């Protein structure tokens, strides 16, 4: 997708448990259709659709 986040490298293992560090890879793998949703409701609907296609 066009809104990728940059995954940082940290020396401390404790930072690996931070929310943003755990979420970056998952966010970057989302299709552009999901990321570019015009509203929160649209994002949720598109995310459900994308995740259901993985099962």
PDB file of N, CA and C in Angstrom:
ATOM      1  N   UNK A   1       0.829  -1.179   0.000  1.00  0.00           N
ATOM      2  CA  UNK A   1       0.000   0.000   0.000  1.00  0.00           C
ATOM      3  C   UNK A   1       0.873   1.241   0.000  1.00  0.00           C
ATOM      4  N   UNK A   2       0.316   2.374  -0.293  1.00  0.00           N
ATOM      5  CA  UNK A   2       1.066   3.618  -0.390  1.00  0.00           C
ATOM      6  C   UNK A   2       1.294   4.305   0.940  1.00  0.00           C
ATOM      7  N   UNK A   3       0.752   3.771   2.003  1.00  0.00           N
ATOM      8  CA  UNK A   3       0.879   4.392   3.320  1.00  0.00           C
ATOM      9  C   UNK A   3       1.656   3.500   4.270  1.00  0.00           C
ATOM     10  N   UNK A   4       2.789   3.011   3.812  1.00  0.00           N
ATOM     11  CA  UNK A   4       3.584   2.087   4.615  1.00  0.00           C
ATOM     12  C   UNK A   4       4.250   2.807   5.776  1.00  0.00           C
ATOM     13  N   UNK A   5       4.420   2.099   6.868  1.00  0.00           N
ATOM     14  CA  UNK A   5       5.116   2.607   8.036  1.00  0.00           C
ATOM     15  C   UNK A   5       6.527   2.038   8.041  1.00  0.00           C
ATOM     16  N   UNK A   6       7.450   2.761   8.616  1.00  0.00           N
ATOM     17  CA  UNK A   6       8.829   2.303   8.677  1.00  0.00           C
ATOM     18  C   UNK A   6       9.055   1.554   9.980  1.00  0.00           C
ATOM     19  N   UNK A   7       9.576   0.360   9.849  1.00  0.00           N
ATOM     20  CA  UNK A   7       9.854  -0.459  11.030  1.00  0.00           C
ATOM     21  C   UNK A   7      11.251  -0.130  11.535  1.00  0.00           C
ATOM     22  N   UNK A   8      11.324   0.322  12.779  1.00  0.00           N
ATOM     23  CA  UNK A   8      12.612   0.683  13.354  1.00  0.00           C
ATOM     24  C   UNK A   8      13.324  -0.505  13.967  1.00  0.00           C
ATOM     25  N   UNK A   9      14.595  -0.308  14.220  1.00  0.00           N
ATOM     26  CA  UNK A   9      15.384  -1.330  14.904  1.00  0.00           C
ATOM     27  C   UNK A   9      15.758  -0.790  16.273  1.00  0.00           C
ATOM     28  N   UNK A  10      15.608  -1.632  17.269  1.00  0.00           N
ATOM     29  CA  UNK A  10      15.847  -1.196  18.631  1.00  0.00           C
ATOM     30  C   UNK A  10      16.844  -2.116  19.313  1.00  0.00           C
ATOM     31  N   UNK A  11      17.610  -1.529  20.192  1.00  0.00           N
ATOM     32  CA  UNK A  11      18.577  -2.323  20.948  1.00  0.00           C
ATOM     33  C   UNK A  11      17.928  -3.030  22.128  1.00  0.00           C
ATOM     34  N   UNK A  12      16.894  -2.428  22.651  1.00  0.00           N
ATOM     35  CA  UNK A  12      16.256  -3.003  23.832  1.00  0.00           C
ATOM     36  C   UNK A  12      15.128  -3.935  23.432  1.00  0.00           C
ATOM     37  N   UNK A  13      15.095  -5.107  24.008  1.00  0.00           N
ATOM     38  CA  UNK A  13      14.046  -6.078  23.713  1.00  0.00           C
ATOM     39  C   UNK A  13      12.675  -5.609  24.187  1.00  0.00           C
ATOM     40  N   UNK A  14      12.646  -4.757  25.189  1.00  0.00           N
ATOM     41  CA  UNK A  14      11.368  -4.308  25.736  1.00  0.00           C
ATOM     42  C   UNK A  14      10.553  -3.547  24.693  1.00  0.00           C
ATOM     43  N   UNK A  15      11.207  -2.846  23.800  1.00  0.00           N
ATOM     44  CA  UNK A  15      10.494  -2.080  22.779  1.00  0.00           C
ATOM     45  C   UNK A  15       9.772  -2.970  21.777  1.00  0.00           C
ATOM     46  N   UNK A  16      10.187  -4.201  21.644  1.00  0.00           N
ATOM     47  CA  UNK A  16       9.530  -5.121  20.717  1.00  0.00           C
ATOM     48  C   UNK A  16       8.084  -5.370  21.110  1.00  0.00           C
ATOM     49  N   UNK A  17       7.750  -5.107  22.352  1.00  0.00           N
ATOM     50  CA  UNK A  17       6.395  -5.335  22.837  1.00  0.00           C
ATOM     51  C   UNK A  17       5.498  -4.116  22.687  1.00  0.00           C
ATOM     52  N   UNK A  18       6.047  -2.980  22.257  1.00  0.00           N
ATOM     53  CA  UNK A  18       5.249  -1.777  22.078  1.00  0.00           C
ATOM     54  C   UNK A  18       4.251  -2.006  20.950  1.00  0.00           C
ATOM     55  N   UNK A  19       3.077  -1.417  21.096  1.00  0.00           N
ATOM     56  CA  UNK A  19       1.997  -1.595  20.123  1.00  0.00           C
ATOM     57  C   UNK A  19       2.443  -1.246  18.705  1.00  0.00           C
ATOM     58  N   UNK A  20       3.049  -0.092  18.525  1.00  0.00           N
ATOM     59  CA  UNK A  20       3.399   0.358  17.175  1.00  0.00           C
ATOM     60  C   UNK A  20       4.411  -0.584  16.521  1.00  0.00           C
ATOM     61  N   UNK A  21       5.309  -1.136  17.290  1.00  0.00           N
ATOM     62  CA  UNK A  21       6.312  -2.056  16.739  1.00  0.00           C
ATOM     63  C   UNK A  21       5.643  -3.355  16.282  1.00  0.00           C
ATOM     64  N   UNK A  22       4.660  -3.825  17.052  1.00  0.00           N
ATOM     65  CA  UNK A  22       3.988  -5.078  16.699  1.00  0.00           C
ATOM     66  C   UNK A  22       3.048  -4.919  15.513  1.00  0.00           C
ATOM     67  N   UNK A  23       2.552  -3.711  15.266  1.00  0.00           N
ATOM     68  CA  UNK A  23       1.510  -3.493  14.266  1.00  0.00           C
ATOM     69  C   UNK A  23       2.059  -3.144  12.880  1.00  0.00           C
ATOM     70  N   UNK A  24       3.266  -2.625  12.802  1.00  0.00           N
ATOM     71  CA  UNK A  24       3.809  -2.117  11.546  1.00  0.00           C
ATOM     72  C   UNK A  24       3.762  -3.156  10.428  1.00  0.00           C
ATOM     73  N   UNK A  25       4.220  -4.355  10.670  1.00  0.00           N
ATOM     74  CA  UNK A  25       4.233  -5.381   9.612  1.00  0.00           C
ATOM     75  C   UNK A  25       2.834  -5.701   9.120  1.00  0.00           C
ATOM     76  N   UNK A  26       1.899  -5.782  10.049  1.00  0.00           N
ATOM     77  CA  UNK A  26       0.514  -6.094   9.676  1.00  0.00           C
ATOM     78  C   UNK A  26      -0.091  -4.956   8.858  1.00  0.00           C
ATOM     79  N   UNK A  27       0.163  -3.716   9.262  1.00  0.00           N
ATOM     80  CA  UNK A  27      -0.367  -2.562   8.539  1.00  0.00           C
ATOM     81  C   UNK A  27       0.198  -2.528   7.114  1.00  0.00           C
ATOM     82  N   UNK A  28       1.489  -2.760   6.971  1.00  0.00           N
ATOM     83  CA  UNK A  28       2.131  -2.702   5.659  1.00  0.00           C
ATOM     84  C   UNK A  28       1.626  -3.791   4.720  1.00  0.00           C
ATOM     85  N   UNK A  29       1.109  -4.865   5.257  1.00  0.00           N
ATOM     86  CA  UNK A  29       0.604  -5.964   4.423  1.00  0.00           C
ATOM     87  C   UNK A  29      -0.843  -5.782   3.993  1.00  0.00           C
ATOM     88  N   UNK A  30      -1.527  -4.791   4.546  1.00  0.00           N
ATOM     89  CA  UNK A  30      -2.924  -4.561   4.177  1.00  0.00           C
ATOM     90  C   UNK A  30      -3.026  -4.056   2.740  1.00  0.00           C
ATOM     91  N   UNK A  31      -4.051  -4.484   2.016  1.00  0.00           N
ATOM     92  CA  UNK A  31      -4.253  -3.981   0.658  1.00  0.00           C
ATOM     93  C   UNK A  31      -4.575  -2.484   0.682  1.00  0.00           C
ATOM     94  N   UNK A  32      -4.239  -1.792  -0.395  1.00  0.00           N
ATOM     95  CA  UNK A  32      -4.485  -0.355  -0.486  1.00  0.00           C
ATOM     96  C   UNK A  32      -5.972  -0.041  -0.331  1.00  0.00           C
ATOM     97  N   UNK A  33      -6.824  -0.930  -0.800  1.00  0.00           N
ATOM     98  CA  UNK A  33      -8.273  -0.727  -0.694  1.00  0.00           C
ATOM     99  C   UNK A  33      -8.694  -0.558   0.767  1.00  0.00           C
ATOM    100  N   UNK A  34      -8.082  -1.309   1.656  1.00  0.00           N
ATOM    101  CA  UNK A  34      -8.413  -1.236   3.086  1.00  0.00           C
ATOM    102  C   UNK A  34      -7.838   0.041   3.689  1.00  0.00           C
ATOM    103  N   UNK A  35      -6.586   0.313   3.416  1.00  0.00           N
ATOM    104  CA  UNK A  35      -5.900   1.457   4.004  1.00  0.00           C
ATOM    105  C   UNK A  35      -6.531   2.782   3.566  1.00  0.00           C
ATOM    106  N   UNK A  36      -6.985   2.851   2.335  1.00  0.00           N
ATOM    107  CA  UNK A  36      -7.515   4.094   1.787  1.00  0.00           C
ATOM    108  C   UNK A  36      -9.022   4.253   2.012  1.00  0.00           C
ATOM    109  N   UNK A  37      -9.586   3.523   2.933  1.00  0.00           N
ATOM    110  CA  UNK A  37     -11.029   3.630   3.220  1.00  0.00           C
ATOM    111  C   UNK A  37     -11.353   5.066   3.650  1.00  0.00           C
ATOM    112  N   UNK A  38     -12.474   5.594   3.178  1.00  0.00           N
ATOM    113  CA  UNK A  38     -12.809   6.991   3.465  1.00  0.00           C
ATOM    114  C   UNK A  38     -13.311   7.255   4.892  1.00  0.00           C
ATOM    115  N   UNK A  39     -13.685   6.227   5.608  1.00  0.00           N
ATOM    116  CA  UNK A  39     -14.215   6.412   6.961  1.00  0.00           C
ATOM    117  C   UNK A  39     -13.838   5.214   7.820  1.00  0.00           C
ATOM    118  N   UNK A  40     -14.056   5.363   9.106  1.00  0.00           N
ATOM    119  CA  UNK A  40     -13.773   4.274  10.030  1.00  0.00           C
ATOM    120  C   UNK A  40     -14.673   3.078   9.746  1.00  0.00           C
ATOM    121  N   UNK A  41     -15.943   3.352   9.478  1.00  0.00           N
ATOM    122  CA  UNK A  41     -16.879   2.269   9.157  1.00  0.00           C
ATOM    123  C   UNK A  41     -16.448   1.544   7.885  1.00  0.00           C
ATOM    124  N   UNK A  42     -16.016   2.311   6.889  1.00  0.00           N
ATOM    125  CA  UNK A  42     -15.526   1.711   5.647  1.00  0.00           C
ATOM    126  C   UNK A  42     -14.268   0.890   5.874  1.00  0.00           C
ATOM    127  N   UNK A  43     -13.378   1.405   6.723  1.00  0.00           N
ATOM    128  CA  UNK A  43     -12.157   0.675   7.056  1.00  0.00           C
ATOM    129  C   UNK A  43     -12.488  -0.660   7.703  1.00  0.00           C
ATOM    130  N   UNK A  44     -13.406  -0.634   8.669  1.00  0.00           N
ATOM    131  CA  UNK A  44     -13.788  -1.870   9.361  1.00  0.00           C
ATOM    132  C   UNK A  44     -14.398  -2.885   8.401  1.00  0.00           C
ATOM    133  N   UNK A  45     -15.270  -2.416   7.527  1.00  0.00           N
ATOM    134  CA  UNK A  45     -15.914  -3.322   6.574  1.00  0.00           C
ATOM    135  C   UNK A  45     -14.892  -3.921   5.615  1.00  0.00           C
ATOM    136  N   UNK A  46     -13.995  -3.087   5.112  1.00  0.00           N
ATOM    137  CA  UNK A  46     -12.974  -3.581   4.170  1.00  0.00           C
ATOM    138  C   UNK A  46     -11.970  -4.493   4.865  1.00  0.00           C
ATOM    139  N   UNK A  47     -11.652  -4.189   6.110  1.00  0.00           N
ATOM    140  CA  UNK A  47     -10.738  -5.045   6.871  1.00  0.00           C
ATOM    141  C   UNK A  47     -11.363  -6.412   7.106  1.00  0.00           C
ATOM    142  N   UNK A  48     -12.636  -6.438   7.484  1.00  0.00           N
ATOM    143  CA  UNK A  48     -13.340  -7.710   7.664  1.00  0.00           C
ATOM    144  C   UNK A  48     -13.326  -8.524   6.379  1.00  0.00           C
ATOM    145  N   UNK A  49     -13.557  -7.849   5.258  1.00  0.00           N
ATOM    146  CA  UNK A  49     -13.560  -8.521   3.952  1.00  0.00           C
ATOM    147  C   UNK A  49     -12.179  -9.087   3.629  1.00  0.00           C
ATOM    148  N   UNK A  50     -11.137  -8.297   3.867  1.00  0.00           N
ATOM    149  CA  UNK A  50      -9.770  -8.741   3.573  1.00  0.00           C
ATOM    150  C   UNK A  50      -9.365  -9.907   4.470  1.00  0.00           C
ATOM    151  N   UNK A  51      -9.722  -9.838   5.736  1.00  0.00           N
ATOM    152  CA  UNK A  51      -9.357 -10.906   6.667  1.00  0.00           C
ATOM    153  C   UNK A  51     -10.145 -12.184   6.420  1.00  0.00           C
ATOM    154  N   UNK A  52     -11.397 -12.043   6.019  1.00  0.00           N
ATOM    155  CA  UNK A  52     -12.205 -13.239   5.755  1.00  0.00           C
ATOM    156  C   UNK A  52     -11.719 -13.980   4.516  1.00  0.00           C
ATOM    157  N   UNK A  53     -11.082 -13.262   3.601  1.00  0.00           N
ATOM    158  CA  UNK A  53     -10.558 -13.929   2.413  1.00  0.00           C
ATOM    159  C   UNK A  53      -9.305 -14.743   2.731  1.00  0.00           C
ATOM    160  N   UNK A  54      -8.690 -14.495   3.880  1.00  0.00           N
ATOM    161  CA  UNK A  54      -7.495 -15.244   4.284  1.00  0.00           C
ATOM    162  C   UNK A  54      -7.832 -16.588   4.916  1.00  0.00           C
ATOM    163  N   UNK A  55      -9.051 -16.718   5.400  1.00  0.00           N
ATOM    164  CA  UNK A  55      -9.449 -17.947   6.104  1.00  0.00           C
ATOM    165  C   UNK A  55      -9.885 -19.008   5.122  1.00  0.00           C
TER     166      UNK A  55
END
